[in-house]
Each structure stands twice: as structure tokens, then as C-alpha cells.
N, C-alpha and C. Protein backbone atom coordinates (compact mmCIF):
# COMPACT_ATOMS: atom_id res chain seq x y z
N UNK A 1 167.63 81.93 109.30
CA UNK A 1 165.94 81.66 109.30
C UNK A 1 165.97 80.48 110.43
N UNK A 2 166.77 79.36 110.38
CA UNK A 2 166.72 78.82 112.12
C UNK A 2 166.98 79.14 113.81
N UNK A 3 167.90 79.77 112.95
CA UNK A 3 167.74 80.26 114.33
C UNK A 3 166.82 81.07 114.76
N UNK A 4 166.61 81.67 114.45
CA UNK A 4 165.06 82.64 114.41
C UNK A 4 163.76 81.14 114.62
N UNK A 5 163.27 80.89 113.62
CA UNK A 5 162.25 80.47 113.86
C UNK A 5 162.76 78.96 115.29
N UNK A 6 163.51 78.88 115.47
CA UNK A 6 163.58 77.11 115.80
C UNK A 6 164.76 76.94 117.18
N UNK A 7 164.68 79.10 117.21
CA UNK A 7 166.10 78.25 118.58
C UNK A 7 167.62 77.94 118.10
N UNK A 8 167.77 77.86 116.86
CA UNK A 8 169.00 76.82 117.06
C UNK A 8 169.98 77.41 117.60
N UNK A 9 171.16 76.83 117.78
CA UNK A 9 172.44 77.50 118.17
C UNK A 9 173.50 77.92 117.00
N UNK A 10 174.19 78.87 116.61
CA UNK A 10 175.12 78.61 114.79
C UNK A 10 176.07 77.51 115.48
N UNK A 11 176.31 76.96 114.53
CA UNK A 11 177.48 76.26 114.41
C UNK A 11 176.73 74.90 114.86
N UNK A 12 175.17 74.24 114.95
CA UNK A 12 174.23 73.38 115.20
C UNK A 12 174.18 72.25 113.61
N UNK A 13 174.13 74.18 112.74
CA UNK A 13 173.52 73.19 111.95
C UNK A 13 174.13 73.40 111.24
N UNK A 14 174.89 72.77 110.14
CA UNK A 14 175.75 72.64 107.90
C UNK A 14 174.66 73.05 106.89
N UNK A 15 174.44 74.40 106.53
CA UNK A 15 173.59 74.36 105.16
C UNK A 15 174.43 74.69 103.89
N UNK A 16 174.35 74.25 102.77
CA UNK A 16 174.97 73.78 102.17
C UNK A 16 173.67 74.28 100.56
N UNK A 17 173.88 74.50 99.77
CA UNK A 17 173.37 75.37 99.11
C UNK A 17 174.27 75.78 97.65
N UNK A 18 173.22 74.92 95.93
CA UNK A 18 174.50 74.43 95.25
C UNK A 18 173.21 74.67 94.59
N UNK A 19 172.77 75.24 93.01
CA UNK A 19 171.98 74.91 91.69
C UNK A 19 170.50 74.78 92.89
N UNK A 20 169.87 75.46 93.50
CA UNK A 20 168.72 75.56 94.02
C UNK A 20 168.87 73.97 95.10
N UNK A 21 170.00 73.33 95.48
CA UNK A 21 169.83 72.60 96.19
C UNK A 21 170.32 72.53 97.45
N UNK A 22 169.38 72.84 98.49
CA UNK A 22 169.83 73.02 99.74
C UNK A 22 170.85 71.42 100.21
N UNK A 23 171.10 70.89 101.45
CA UNK A 23 171.79 69.98 102.38
C UNK A 23 172.06 70.37 103.45
N UNK A 24 171.45 69.76 104.53
CA UNK A 24 171.75 70.41 105.76
C UNK A 24 171.67 68.99 106.47
N UNK A 25 172.47 69.23 107.05
CA UNK A 25 173.57 68.60 108.50
C UNK A 25 174.16 69.04 109.22
N UNK A 26 174.14 68.01 110.31
CA UNK A 26 174.23 68.56 111.98
C UNK A 26 172.88 67.88 112.99
N UNK A 27 172.67 68.49 114.04
CA UNK A 27 171.69 67.73 114.47
C UNK A 27 171.21 68.64 116.18
N UNK A 28 169.63 68.29 115.30
CA UNK A 28 168.52 69.17 116.44
C UNK A 28 168.09 68.46 118.04
N UNK A 29 167.88 68.67 118.35
CA UNK A 29 167.04 68.21 119.83
C UNK A 29 166.00 67.65 119.65
N UNK A 30 164.37 68.02 118.37
CA UNK A 30 163.88 67.38 118.38
C UNK A 30 163.55 67.01 117.33
N UNK A 31 163.11 66.12 117.09
CA UNK A 31 162.48 65.61 115.62
C UNK A 31 161.55 66.06 114.81
N UNK A 32 160.16 66.73 115.22
CA UNK A 32 159.73 68.00 114.82
C UNK A 32 160.74 69.33 114.62
N UNK A 33 161.94 68.90 115.36
CA UNK A 33 162.35 70.11 114.46
C UNK A 33 163.23 69.72 113.41
N UNK A 34 163.62 68.93 113.00
CA UNK A 34 163.97 68.62 111.56
C UNK A 34 163.33 68.51 111.17
N UNK A 35 162.32 67.98 111.10
CA UNK A 35 160.87 68.07 109.70
C UNK A 35 160.32 69.19 109.89
N UNK A 36 160.44 70.84 110.61
CA UNK A 36 160.19 71.62 110.81
C UNK A 36 161.39 72.58 109.73
N UNK A 37 162.43 72.24 110.07
CA UNK A 37 163.74 73.30 109.41
C UNK A 37 163.53 72.30 107.91
N UNK A 38 163.54 71.36 107.70
CA UNK A 38 163.63 70.41 106.30
C UNK A 38 162.39 71.74 105.30
N UNK A 39 161.50 71.58 106.30
CA UNK A 39 160.23 72.32 105.52
C UNK A 39 160.62 74.10 104.87
N UNK A 40 161.07 74.26 105.85
CA UNK A 40 160.93 76.08 106.07
C UNK A 40 161.83 76.25 105.26
N UNK A 41 163.50 74.93 104.90
CA UNK A 41 164.27 75.17 103.88
C UNK A 41 163.09 75.30 102.51
N UNK A 42 162.96 74.34 102.56
CA UNK A 42 161.54 74.34 100.82
C UNK A 42 161.03 75.98 100.50
N UNK A 43 160.40 76.17 101.92
CA UNK A 43 160.04 77.58 101.03
C UNK A 43 160.86 78.70 100.86
N UNK A 44 162.26 78.49 100.80
CA UNK A 44 163.24 79.91 100.24
C UNK A 44 162.96 79.28 99.04
N UNK A 45 162.57 81.03 98.52
CA UNK A 45 163.20 80.80 97.28
C UNK A 45 163.73 80.37 96.52
N UNK A 46 163.55 79.90 95.24
CA UNK A 46 164.82 78.91 94.59
C UNK A 46 165.29 78.32 94.78
N UNK A 47 164.70 77.54 96.73
CA UNK A 47 165.24 76.47 96.46
C UNK A 47 164.03 74.81 95.69
N UNK A 48 164.55 74.21 95.33
CA UNK A 48 164.21 73.36 94.60
C UNK A 48 164.14 71.86 95.06
N UNK A 49 165.37 71.50 95.70
CA UNK A 49 165.24 70.45 96.69
C UNK A 49 166.10 70.83 97.92
N UNK A 50 165.82 70.04 99.07
CA UNK A 50 165.85 70.00 100.39
C UNK A 50 166.74 68.60 100.60
N UNK A 51 168.21 68.55 100.50
CA UNK A 51 168.20 67.47 101.44
C UNK A 51 168.80 67.53 102.20
N UNK A 52 167.88 67.37 103.65
CA UNK A 52 168.01 66.86 104.37
C UNK A 52 168.34 65.16 105.72
N UNK A 53 170.08 66.41 105.91
CA UNK A 53 170.53 64.64 106.66
C UNK A 53 170.16 65.19 108.39
N UNK A 54 170.06 66.23 108.82
CA UNK A 54 169.82 66.31 110.04
C UNK A 54 169.75 64.97 110.99
N UNK A 55 170.09 64.78 112.33
CA UNK A 55 169.94 64.06 113.38
C UNK A 55 169.10 64.34 114.68
N UNK A 56 168.48 63.69 114.95
CA UNK A 56 167.91 64.34 116.43
C UNK A 56 168.58 63.38 117.56
N UNK A 57 168.68 64.63 118.70
CA UNK A 57 168.46 63.65 120.66
C UNK A 57 167.31 63.05 120.43
N UNK A 58 166.12 63.48 120.32
CA UNK A 58 164.94 63.00 121.13
C UNK A 58 163.52 62.63 120.30
N UNK A 59 162.81 61.78 119.91
CA UNK A 59 161.96 61.22 119.13
C UNK A 59 160.51 61.75 119.42
N UNK A 60 160.52 63.24 119.55
CA UNK A 60 159.06 63.34 119.91
C UNK A 60 158.21 63.37 118.91
N UNK A 61 158.25 61.99 117.97
CA UNK A 61 156.86 61.63 117.43
C UNK A 61 155.80 61.36 117.36
N UNK A 62 156.27 60.31 118.57
CA UNK A 62 155.61 59.45 118.77
C UNK A 62 155.19 59.61 120.51
N UNK A 63 155.04 60.69 121.11
CA UNK A 63 155.23 61.28 122.21
C UNK A 63 153.42 60.50 122.65
N UNK A 64 152.98 60.39 123.88
CA UNK A 64 151.14 59.85 123.71
C UNK A 64 150.27 60.51 123.86
N UNK A 65 149.18 60.38 124.15
CA UNK A 65 147.89 61.73 123.56
C UNK A 65 147.41 61.44 124.49
N UNK A 66 146.95 62.43 124.64
CA UNK A 66 146.30 62.86 125.69
C UNK A 66 143.95 63.07 125.47
N UNK A 67 143.88 61.75 125.93
CA UNK A 67 142.58 61.43 125.68
C UNK A 67 142.22 63.11 125.36
N UNK A 68 140.49 62.93 124.77
CA UNK A 68 139.82 63.69 124.56
C UNK A 68 138.17 64.28 125.15
N UNK A 69 138.20 64.63 125.72
CA UNK A 69 136.77 64.64 126.92
C UNK A 69 135.54 65.27 126.30
N UNK A 70 134.67 64.98 126.24
CA UNK A 70 133.62 65.98 126.00
C UNK A 70 133.55 67.24 126.70
N UNK A 71 133.62 68.13 126.37
CA UNK A 71 133.38 70.04 126.71
C UNK A 71 132.30 70.48 127.00
N UNK A 72 131.51 70.83 128.08
CA UNK A 72 129.97 71.49 127.71
C UNK A 72 130.86 72.54 128.29
N UNK A 73 129.94 73.71 127.94
CA UNK A 73 130.10 74.83 128.21
C UNK A 73 129.43 75.57 130.03
N UNK A 74 129.95 76.49 130.23
CA UNK A 74 129.83 76.08 132.03
C UNK A 74 129.70 78.01 131.86
N UNK A 75 128.24 77.78 131.96
CA UNK A 75 127.14 78.67 132.36
C UNK A 75 127.56 80.12 133.68
N UNK A 76 128.13 80.82 133.37
CA UNK A 76 128.40 81.53 134.92
C UNK A 76 127.64 82.90 135.35
N UNK A 77 127.48 82.50 136.67
CA UNK A 77 126.21 83.68 136.45
C UNK A 77 126.75 84.64 137.52
């Protein structure tokens, strides 16, 4: 699932399951991908707990946002 959704290469993430408890370890490129991986694992049937020990190379959680400007529709004739 991680390969399909997050384009994670084989061998990048180690997943162990015991009694419905999923433990993930390894390293992904972005912090947001680590969060998504944990949420995806939690949605799998039979999973009762996710222990997310994944690391990341880049923290993209605090990227500066762009100011929002009011947008007025433009009428094209």
C-alpha cells in the first residue's frame, strides 16, 4: 500500500505486525509522508494500534503559506 500511495521504494520501510499491532520503521523523504503512512496503516482491517517509528529527511510541516487574496470573478465577453 505504501508503494502505491506514497511511491515508497521496496526496502525503505520495515513493517511488522503482531496481534493487530503494526510497527513501522525506516525513513521517508517528508514528514507529511510519515503522517500519511501511519494513517493508512491504521485503516487496514484488523489493525488495533500503529507504532510509527518512521523518520524523515525533510520537515515539510512548517512550510510558509502563501497569503490569500480575495478573488473576484472576471466576466469574459
